[in-house]
PDB file of N, CA and C in Angstrom:
ATOM      1  N   MET A   1       0.819  -1.168   0.000  1.00  0.00           N
ATOM      2  CA  MET A   1       0.000   0.000   0.000  1.00  0.00           C
ATOM      3  C   MET A   1       0.875   1.248   0.000  1.00  0.00           C
ATOM      4  N   LEU A   2       2.037   1.110  -0.537  1.00  0.00           N
ATOM      5  CA  LEU A   2       2.955   2.234  -0.630  1.00  0.00           C
ATOM      6  C   LEU A   2       2.740   2.931  -1.968  1.00  0.00           C
ATOM      7  N   GLN A   3       2.573   4.221  -1.933  1.00  0.00           N
ATOM      8  CA  GLN A   3       2.353   4.986  -3.160  1.00  0.00           C
ATOM      9  C   GLN A   3       3.657   5.098  -3.951  1.00  0.00           C
ATOM     10  N   PRO A   4       3.571   5.268  -5.275  1.00  0.00           N
ATOM     11  CA  PRO A   4       4.784   5.490  -6.071  1.00  0.00           C
ATOM     12  C   PRO A   4       5.584   6.663  -5.505  1.00  0.00           C
ATOM     13  N   GLY A   5       6.876   6.457  -5.352  1.00  0.00           N
ATOM     14  CA  GLY A   5       7.743   7.469  -4.772  1.00  0.00           C
ATOM     15  C   GLY A   5       7.853   7.361  -3.259  1.00  0.00           C
ATOM     16  N   GLY A   6       7.015   6.507  -2.649  1.00  0.00           N
ATOM     17  CA  GLY A   6       7.055   6.316  -1.200  1.00  0.00           C
ATOM     18  C   GLY A   6       8.287   5.535  -0.779  1.00  0.00           C
ATOM     19  N   VAL A   7       8.680   5.707   0.463  1.00  0.00           N
ATOM     20  CA  VAL A   7       9.888   5.062   0.991  1.00  0.00           C
ATOM     21  C   VAL A   7       9.510   4.057   2.077  1.00  0.00           C
ATOM     22  N   LEU A   8      10.103   2.879   1.984  1.00  0.00           N
ATOM     23  CA  LEU A   8       9.916   1.828   2.979  1.00  0.00           C
ATOM     24  C   LEU A   8      11.235   1.645   3.717  1.00  0.00           C
ATOM     25  N   MET A   9      11.187   1.656   5.047  1.00  0.00           N
ATOM     26  CA  MET A   9      12.374   1.413   5.853  1.00  0.00           C
ATOM     27  C   MET A   9      12.268   0.008   6.454  1.00  0.00           C
ATOM     28  N   VAL A  10      13.330  -0.767   6.293  1.00  0.00           N
ATOM     29  CA  VAL A  10      13.391  -2.126   6.816  1.00  0.00           C
ATOM     30  C   VAL A  10      14.625  -2.237   7.702  1.00  0.00           C
ATOM     31  N   THR A  11      14.460  -2.808   8.885  1.00  0.00           N
ATOM     32  CA  THR A  11      15.617  -3.101   9.727  1.00  0.00           C
ATOM     33  C   THR A  11      15.784  -4.612   9.783  1.00  0.00           C
ATOM     34  N   THR A  12      17.016  -5.050   9.643  1.00  0.00           N
ATOM     35  CA  THR A  12      17.323  -6.475   9.638  1.00  0.00           C
ATOM     36  C   THR A  12      18.796  -6.659   9.949  1.00  0.00           C
ATOM     37  N   PHE A  13      19.246  -7.875   9.933  1.00  0.00           N
ATOM     38  CA  PHE A  13      20.658  -8.182  10.068  1.00  0.00           C
ATOM     39  C   PHE A  13      21.135  -8.665   8.703  1.00  0.00           C
ATOM     40  N   LEU A  14      22.055  -7.941   8.092  1.00  0.00           N
ATOM     41  CA  LEU A  14      22.599  -8.329   6.796  1.00  0.00           C
ATOM     42  C   LEU A  14      23.865  -9.149   6.986  1.00  0.00           C
ATOM     43  N   MET A  15      23.971 -10.223   6.210  1.00  0.00           N
ATOM     44  CA  MET A  15      25.082 -11.141   6.338  1.00  0.00           C
ATOM     45  C   MET A  15      26.252 -10.807   5.423  1.00  0.00           C
ATOM     46  N   ASP A  16      26.110  -9.798   4.584  1.00  0.00           N
ATOM     47  CA  ASP A  16      27.103  -9.489   3.552  1.00  0.00           C
ATOM     48  C   ASP A  16      28.473  -9.080   4.092  1.00  0.00           C
ATOM     49  N   LYS A  17      28.526  -8.518   5.261  1.00  0.00           N
ATOM     50  CA  LYS A  17      29.803  -8.077   5.824  1.00  0.00           C
ATOM     51  C   LYS A  17      30.190  -8.941   7.019  1.00  0.00           C
ATOM     52  N   GLY A  18      29.665 -10.152   7.048  1.00  0.00           N
ATOM     53  CA  GLY A  18      30.014 -11.093   8.094  1.00  0.00           C
ATOM     54  C   GLY A  18      28.821 -11.546   8.906  1.00  0.00           C
ATOM     55  N   ARG A  19      28.896 -12.793   9.384  1.00  0.00           N
ATOM     56  CA  ARG A  19      27.817 -13.384  10.184  1.00  0.00           C
ATOM     57  C   ARG A  19      28.179 -13.491  11.655  1.00  0.00           C
ATOM     58  N   LEU A  20      29.398 -13.115  11.998  1.00  0.00           N
ATOM     59  CA  LEU A  20      29.866 -13.287  13.366  1.00  0.00           C
ATOM     60  C   LEU A  20      30.217 -11.940  13.981  1.00  0.00           C
ATOM     61  N   SER A  21      29.985 -11.820  15.277  1.00  0.00           N
ATOM     62  CA  SER A  21      30.391 -10.625  16.015  1.00  0.00           C
ATOM     63  C   SER A  21      30.701 -11.022  17.445  1.00  0.00           C
ATOM     64  N   ASN A  22      31.083 -10.057  18.239  1.00  0.00           N
ATOM     65  CA  ASN A  22      31.376 -10.327  19.648  1.00  0.00           C
ATOM     66  C   ASN A  22      30.128 -10.690  20.437  1.00  0.00           C
ATOM     67  N   GLY A  23      28.985 -10.127  20.052  1.00  0.00           N
ATOM     68  CA  GLY A  23      27.782 -10.349  20.841  1.00  0.00           C
ATOM     69  C   GLY A  23      26.683 -11.126  20.150  1.00  0.00           C
ATOM     70  N   LEU A  24      26.581 -11.018  18.841  1.00  0.00           N
ATOM     71  CA  LEU A  24      25.485 -11.646  18.107  1.00  0.00           C
ATOM     72  C   LEU A  24      26.034 -12.289  16.844  1.00  0.00           C
ATOM     73  N   SER A  25      25.819 -13.578  16.682  1.00  0.00           N
ATOM     74  CA  SER A  25      26.315 -14.303  15.518  1.00  0.00           C
ATOM     75  C   SER A  25      25.191 -15.136  14.916  1.00  0.00           C
ATOM     76  N   PHE A  26      25.357 -15.492  13.658  1.00  0.00           N
ATOM     77  CA  PHE A  26      24.338 -16.242  12.919  1.00  0.00           C
ATOM     78  C   PHE A  26      24.948 -17.514  12.333  1.00  0.00           C
ATOM     79  N   PRO A  27      25.172 -18.519  13.161  1.00  0.00           N
ATOM     80  CA  PRO A  27      25.843 -19.732  12.700  1.00  0.00           C
ATOM     81  C   PRO A  27      24.951 -20.701  11.920  1.00  0.00           C
ATOM     82  N   TYR A  28      23.638 -20.508  11.951  1.00  0.00           N
ATOM     83  CA  TYR A  28      22.720 -21.462  11.320  1.00  0.00           C
ATOM     84  C   TYR A  28      22.107 -20.862  10.067  1.00  0.00           C
ATOM     85  N   LYS A  29      21.893 -21.716   9.054  1.00  0.00           N
ATOM     86  CA  LYS A  29      21.283 -21.263   7.801  1.00  0.00           C
ATOM     87  C   LYS A  29      20.257 -22.275   7.325  1.00  0.00           C
ATOM     88  N   ASN A  30      19.129 -21.767   6.837  1.00  0.00           N
ATOM     89  CA  ASN A  30      18.076 -22.582   6.231  1.00  0.00           C
ATOM     90  C   ASN A  30      17.547 -21.798   5.041  1.00  0.00           C
ATOM     91  N   ASN A  31      17.819 -22.284   3.847  1.00  0.00           N
ATOM     92  CA  ASN A  31      17.476 -21.581   2.614  1.00  0.00           C
ATOM     93  C   ASN A  31      18.127 -20.200   2.621  1.00  0.00           C
ATOM     94  N   GLU A  32      17.346 -19.150   2.577  1.00  0.00           N
ATOM     95  CA  GLU A  32      17.872 -17.782   2.534  1.00  0.00           C
ATOM     96  C   GLU A  32      17.935 -17.126   3.914  1.00  0.00           C
ATOM     97  N   HIS A  33      17.640 -17.865   4.942  1.00  0.00           N
ATOM     98  CA  HIS A  33      17.547 -17.316   6.293  1.00  0.00           C
ATOM     99  C   HIS A  33      18.728 -17.768   7.152  1.00  0.00           C
ATOM    100  N   TYR A  34      19.299 -16.828   7.859  1.00  0.00           N
ATOM    101  CA  TYR A  34      20.367 -17.113   8.822  1.00  0.00           C
ATOM    102  C   TYR A  34      19.798 -16.893  10.222  1.00  0.00           C
ATOM    103  N   PHE A  35      20.157 -17.768  11.158  1.00  0.00           N
ATOM    104  CA  PHE A  35      19.576 -17.707  12.488  1.00  0.00           C
ATOM    105  C   PHE A  35      20.641 -17.590  13.570  1.00  0.00           C
ATOM    106  N   TYR A  36      20.305 -16.869  14.605  1.00  0.00           N
ATOM    107  CA  TYR A  36      21.115 -16.746  15.811  1.00  0.00           C
ATOM    108  C   TYR A  36      20.954 -18.003  16.663  1.00  0.00           C
ATOM    109  N   ASP A  37      19.709 -18.480  16.753  1.00  0.00           N
ATOM    110  CA  ASP A  37      19.391 -19.636  17.591  1.00  0.00           C
ATOM    111  C   ASP A  37      18.511 -20.580  16.770  1.00  0.00           C
ATOM    112  N   ASN A  38      19.001 -21.750  16.478  1.00  0.00           N
ATOM    113  CA  ASN A  38      18.268 -22.697  15.631  1.00  0.00           C
ATOM    114  C   ASN A  38      17.005 -23.235  16.310  1.00  0.00           C
ATOM    115  N   THR A  39      16.969 -23.261  17.643  1.00  0.00           N
ATOM    116  CA  THR A  39      15.785 -23.767  18.346  1.00  0.00           C
ATOM    117  C   THR A  39      14.696 -22.705  18.460  1.00  0.00           C
ATOM    118  N   LEU A  40      15.077 -21.432  18.433  1.00  0.00           N
ATOM    119  CA  LEU A  40      14.131 -20.304  18.438  1.00  0.00           C
ATOM    120  C   LEU A  40      14.536 -19.333  17.335  1.00  0.00           C
ATOM    121  N   PRO A  41      14.310 -19.698  16.073  1.00  0.00           N
ATOM    122  CA  PRO A  41      14.811 -18.881  14.960  1.00  0.00           C
ATOM    123  C   PRO A  41      14.248 -17.462  14.920  1.00  0.00           C
ATOM    124  N   GLU A  42      13.080 -17.245  15.499  1.00  0.00           N
ATOM    125  CA  GLU A  42      12.481 -15.909  15.443  1.00  0.00           C
ATOM    126  C   GLU A  42      13.194 -14.888  16.328  1.00  0.00           C
ATOM    127  N   VAL A  43      14.119 -15.319  17.161  1.00  0.00           N
ATOM    128  CA  VAL A  43      14.858 -14.401  18.038  1.00  0.00           C
ATOM    129  C   VAL A  43      15.632 -13.378  17.208  1.00  0.00           C
ATOM    130  N   ALA A  44      16.351 -13.838  16.191  1.00  0.00           N
ATOM    131  CA  ALA A  44      17.100 -12.951  15.296  1.00  0.00           C
ATOM    132  C   ALA A  44      17.329 -13.672  13.983  1.00  0.00           C
ATOM    133  N   VAL A  45      16.903 -13.040  12.893  1.00  0.00           N
ATOM    134  CA  VAL A  45      17.021 -13.614  11.552  1.00  0.00           C
ATOM    135  C   VAL A  45      17.825 -12.651  10.690  1.00  0.00           C
ATOM    136  N   GLY A  46      18.725 -13.196   9.889  1.00  0.00           N
ATOM    137  CA  GLY A  46      19.526 -12.379   8.994  1.00  0.00           C
ATOM    138  C   GLY A  46      19.360 -12.825   7.552  1.00  0.00           C
ATOM    139  N   TYR A  47      19.702 -11.918   6.628  1.00  0.00           N
ATOM    140  CA  TYR A  47      19.559 -12.172   5.194  1.00  0.00           C
ATOM    141  C   TYR A  47      20.752 -11.585   4.446  1.00  0.00           C
ATOM    142  N   GLU A  48      20.974 -12.077   3.247  1.00  0.00           N
ATOM    143  CA  GLU A  48      21.937 -11.454   2.350  1.00  0.00           C
ATOM    144  C   GLU A  48      21.227 -10.341   1.594  1.00  0.00           C
ATOM    145  N   LEU A  49      21.944  -9.265   1.335  1.00  0.00           N
ATOM    146  CA  LEU A  49      21.365  -8.081   0.702  1.00  0.00           C
ATOM    147  C   LEU A  49      20.749  -8.402  -0.656  1.00  0.00           C
ATOM    148  N   GLU A  50      21.396  -9.213  -1.448  1.00  0.00           N
ATOM    149  CA  GLU A  50      20.890  -9.513  -2.790  1.00  0.00           C
ATOM    150  C   GLU A  50      19.541 -10.231  -2.733  1.00  0.00           C
ATOM    151  N   PHE A  51      19.348 -11.096  -1.766  1.00  0.00           N
ATOM    152  CA  PHE A  51      18.058 -11.768  -1.598  1.00  0.00           C
ATOM    153  C   PHE A  51      16.958 -10.743  -1.329  1.00  0.00           C
ATOM    154  N   LEU A  52      17.192  -9.815  -0.417  1.00  0.00           N
ATOM    155  CA  LEU A  52      16.185  -8.792  -0.111  1.00  0.00           C
ATOM    156  C   LEU A  52      15.951  -7.866  -1.296  1.00  0.00           C
ATOM    157  N   ARG A  53      16.998  -7.558  -2.033  1.00  0.00           N
ATOM    158  CA  ARG A  53      16.870  -6.713  -3.220  1.00  0.00           C
ATOM    159  C   ARG A  53      15.973  -7.388  -4.264  1.00  0.00           C
ATOM    160  N   LYS A  54      16.209  -8.669  -4.522  1.00  0.00           N
ATOM    161  CA  LYS A  54      15.414  -9.407  -5.523  1.00  0.00           C
ATOM    162  C   LYS A  54      13.963  -9.549  -5.088  1.00  0.00           C
ATOM    163  N   GLU A  55      13.748  -9.911  -3.841  1.00  0.00           N
ATOM    164  CA  GLU A  55      12.376 -10.095  -3.354  1.00  0.00           C
ATOM    165  C   GLU A  55      11.601  -8.780  -3.366  1.00  0.00           C
ATOM    166  N   SER A  56      12.240  -7.701  -3.012  1.00  0.00           N
ATOM    167  CA  SER A  56      11.586  -6.389  -3.007  1.00  0.00           C
ATOM    168  C   SER A  56      11.268  -5.923  -4.417  1.00  0.00           C
ATOM    169  N   ALA A  57      12.166  -6.210  -5.361  1.00  0.00           N
ATOM    170  CA  ALA A  57      11.944  -5.809  -6.755  1.00  0.00           C
ATOM    171  C   ALA A  57      10.697  -6.463  -7.334  1.00  0.00           C
ATOM    172  N   LYS A  58      10.358  -7.653  -6.856  1.00  0.00           N
ATOM    173  CA  LYS A  58       9.145  -8.329  -7.320  1.00  0.00           C
ATOM    174  C   LYS A  58       7.889  -7.525  -6.992  1.00  0.00           C
ATOM    175  N   ASN A  59       8.011  -6.642  -6.002  1.00  0.00           N
ATOM    176  CA  ASN A  59       6.884  -5.810  -5.584  1.00  0.00           C
ATOM    177  C   ASN A  59       7.078  -4.340  -5.942  1.00  0.00           C
ATOM    178  N   GLY A  60       7.952  -4.077  -6.908  1.00  0.00           N
ATOM    179  CA  GLY A  60       8.136  -2.719  -7.393  1.00  0.00           C
ATOM    180  C   GLY A  60       8.957  -1.823  -6.487  1.00  0.00           C
ATOM    181  N   LEU A  61       9.779  -2.421  -5.627  1.00  0.00           N
ATOM    182  CA  LEU A  61      10.612  -1.633  -4.720  1.00  0.00           C
ATOM    183  C   LEU A  61      12.065  -1.687  -5.172  1.00  0.00           C
ATOM    184  N   LYS A  62      12.711  -0.545  -5.163  1.00  0.00           N
ATOM    185  CA  LYS A  62      14.115  -0.458  -5.553  1.00  0.00           C
ATOM    186  C   LYS A  62      14.929  -0.021  -4.335  1.00  0.00           C
ATOM    187  N   LEU A  63      16.039  -0.717  -4.083  1.00  0.00           N
ATOM    188  CA  LEU A  63      16.892  -0.364  -2.958  1.00  0.00           C
ATOM    189  C   LEU A  63      17.490   1.013  -3.199  1.00  0.00           C
ATOM    190  N   TYR A  64      17.290   1.899  -2.241  1.00  0.00           N
ATOM    191  CA  TYR A  64      17.770   3.271  -2.343  1.00  0.00           C
ATOM    192  C   TYR A  64      19.047   3.468  -1.528  1.00  0.00           C
ATOM    193  N   LYS A  65      19.067   2.915  -0.317  1.00  0.00           N
ATOM    194  CA  LYS A  65      20.224   3.146   0.555  1.00  0.00           C
ATOM    195  C   LYS A  65      20.337   2.026   1.586  1.00  0.00           C
ATOM    196  N   THR A  66      21.576   1.713   1.940  1.00  0.00           N
ATOM    197  CA  THR A  66      21.863   0.744   2.994  1.00  0.00           C
ATOM    198  C   THR A  66      22.702   1.425   4.064  1.00  0.00           C
ATOM    199  N   LEU A  67      22.255   1.331   5.291  1.00  0.00           N
ATOM    200  CA  LEU A  67      23.014   1.862   6.430  1.00  0.00           C
ATOM    201  C   LEU A  67      23.399   0.674   7.313  1.00  0.00           C
ATOM    202  N   TRP A  68      24.688   0.473   7.470  1.00  0.00           N
ATOM    203  CA  TRP A  68      25.162  -0.669   8.235  1.00  0.00           C
ATOM    204  C   TRP A  68      25.014  -0.402   9.725  1.00  0.00           C
ATOM    205  N   GLY A  69      24.530  -1.416  10.445  1.00  0.00           N
ATOM    206  CA  GLY A  69      24.314  -1.303  11.884  1.00  0.00           C
ATOM    207  C   GLY A  69      25.573  -1.614  12.682  1.00  0.00           C
ATOM    208  N   SER A  70      25.467  -1.451  13.974  1.00  0.00           N
ATOM    209  CA  SER A  70      26.624  -1.636  14.857  1.00  0.00           C
ATOM    210  C   SER A  70      26.715  -3.034  15.464  1.00  0.00           C
ATOM    211  N   TRP A  71      25.817  -3.950  15.105  1.00  0.00           N
ATOM    212  CA  TRP A  71      25.773  -5.259  15.758  1.00  0.00           C
ATOM    213  C   TRP A  71      27.047  -6.071  15.586  1.00  0.00           C
ATOM    214  N   ARG A  72      27.832  -5.804  14.548  1.00  0.00           N
ATOM    215  CA  ARG A  72      29.049  -6.579  14.294  1.00  0.00           C
ATOM    216  C   ARG A  72      30.209  -6.163  15.197  1.00  0.00           C
ATOM    217  N   HIS A  73      30.144  -4.972  15.777  1.00  0.00           N
ATOM    218  CA  HIS A  73      31.223  -4.443  16.624  1.00  0.00           C
ATOM    219  C   HIS A  73      32.553  -4.463  15.874  1.00  0.00           C
ATOM    220  N   SER A  74      32.532  -3.980  14.619  1.00  0.00           N
ATOM    221  CA  SER A  74      33.719  -4.007  13.770  1.00  0.00           C
ATOM    222  C   SER A  74      34.178  -2.584  13.453  1.00  0.00           C
ATOM    223  N   ASP A  75      35.473  -2.353  13.573  1.00  0.00           N
ATOM    224  CA  ASP A  75      36.027  -1.045  13.220  1.00  0.00           C
ATOM    225  C   ASP A  75      36.045  -0.835  11.712  1.00  0.00           C
ATOM    226  N   ASP A  76      35.924  -1.918  10.936  1.00  0.00           N
ATOM    227  CA  ASP A  76      35.948  -1.825   9.475  1.00  0.00           C
ATOM    228  C   ASP A  76      34.612  -1.361   8.885  1.00  0.00           C
ATOM    229  N   ILE A  77      33.555  -1.421   9.671  1.00  0.00           N
ATOM    230  CA  ILE A  77      32.220  -1.066   9.190  1.00  0.00           C
ATOM    231  C   ILE A  77      31.752   0.182   9.926  1.00  0.00           C
ATOM    232  N   ILE A  78      31.527   1.239   9.181  1.00  0.00           N
ATOM    233  CA  ILE A  78      31.104   2.499   9.784  1.00  0.00           C
ATOM    234  C   ILE A  78      29.596   2.500   9.955  1.00  0.00           C
ATOM    235  N   CYS A  79      29.154   2.737  11.167  1.00  0.00           N
ATOM    236  CA  CYS A  79      27.730   2.776  11.490  1.00  0.00           C
ATOM    237  C   CYS A  79      27.339   4.229  11.725  1.00  0.00           C
ATOM    238  N   PHE A  80      26.633   4.816  10.751  1.00  0.00           N
ATOM    239  CA  PHE A  80      26.210   6.207  10.868  1.00  0.00           C
ATOM    240  C   PHE A  80      24.937   6.366  11.691  1.00  0.00           C
ATOM    241  N   SER A  81      24.134   5.327  11.741  1.00  0.00           N
ATOM    242  CA  SER A  81      22.824   5.449  12.376  1.00  0.00           C
ATOM    243  C   SER A  81      22.882   5.327  13.896  1.00  0.00           C
ATOM    244  N   GLY A  82      23.889   4.641  14.426  1.00  0.00           N
ATOM    245  CA  GLY A  82      23.942   4.379  15.854  1.00  0.00           C
ATOM    246  C   GLY A  82      22.978   3.281  16.273  1.00  0.00           C
ATOM    247  N   PHE A  83      22.327   2.649  15.305  1.00  0.00           N
ATOM    248  CA  PHE A  83      21.337   1.606  15.535  1.00  0.00           C
ATOM    249  C   PHE A  83      22.007   0.250  15.366  1.00  0.00           C
ATOM    250  N   PRO A  84      21.708  -0.732  16.204  1.00  0.00           N
ATOM    251  CA  PRO A  84      22.363  -2.038  16.084  1.00  0.00           C
ATOM    252  C   PRO A  84      22.070  -2.759  14.761  1.00  0.00           C
ATOM    253  N   GLN A  85      20.820  -2.775  14.338  1.00  0.00           N
ATOM    254  CA  GLN A  85      20.477  -3.506  13.115  1.00  0.00           C
ATOM    255  C   GLN A  85      20.845  -2.687  11.872  1.00  0.00           C
ATOM    256  N   ASP A  86      21.000  -3.397  10.754  1.00  0.00           N
ATOM    257  CA  ASP A  86      21.222  -2.742   9.471  1.00  0.00           C
ATOM    258  C   ASP A  86      19.893  -2.150   9.000  1.00  0.00           C
ATOM    259  N   ILE A  87      19.954  -1.033   8.309  1.00  0.00           N
ATOM    260  CA  ILE A  87      18.756  -0.345   7.844  1.00  0.00           C
ATOM    261  C   ILE A  87      18.784  -0.282   6.321  1.00  0.00           C
ATOM    262  N   LEU A  88      17.670  -0.661   5.704  1.00  0.00           N
ATOM    263  CA  LEU A  88      17.503  -0.581   4.258  1.00  0.00           C
ATOM    264  C   LEU A  88      16.387   0.382   3.936  1.00  0.00           C
ATOM    265  N   LEU A  89      16.606   1.233   2.953  1.00  0.00           N
ATOM    266  CA  LEU A  89      15.568   2.123   2.466  1.00  0.00           C
ATOM    267  C   LEU A  89      15.242   1.731   1.032  1.00  0.00           C
ATOM    268  N   PHE A  90      13.960   1.444   0.793  1.00  0.00           N
ATOM    269  CA  PHE A  90      13.473   1.086  -0.537  1.00  0.00           C
ATOM    270  C   PHE A  90      12.523   2.165  -1.013  1.00  0.00           C
ATOM    271  N   VAL A  91      12.522   2.417  -2.322  1.00  0.00           N
ATOM    272  CA  VAL A  91      11.606   3.381  -2.917  1.00  0.00           C
ATOM    273  C   VAL A  91      10.650   2.614  -3.837  1.00  0.00           C
ATOM    274  N   LYS A  92       9.374   2.929  -3.750  1.00  0.00           N
ATOM    275  CA  LYS A  92       8.362   2.335  -4.629  1.00  0.00           C
ATOM    276  C   LYS A  92       8.475   3.020  -5.978  1.00  0.00           C
ATOM    277  N   GLU A  93       8.667   2.222  -7.039  1.00  0.00           N
ATOM    278  CA  GLU A  93       8.808   2.787  -8.389  1.00  0.00           C
ATOM    279  C   GLU A  93       7.478   3.256  -8.928  1.00  0.00           C
TER     280      GLU A  93
END
């Protein structure tokens, strides 16, 4: 129900810059889903960016911007948002 030109914000854990961190890791995988805890997968789920890009495109959404979160605790990844999860902004075409 997003109008053309509207922006959708999604927060998730992206696996593209690593699945492991000091505090939160995603050692389990099932299809396109990465899990923190295999017995309670809904606790934290991660995805690869390309999977989310393809699935969103099926609904007329184009990836506009990716902001990397701080959950990895890595000096190599700059987190501008100060938010733990990764943030994706999609625009409705």
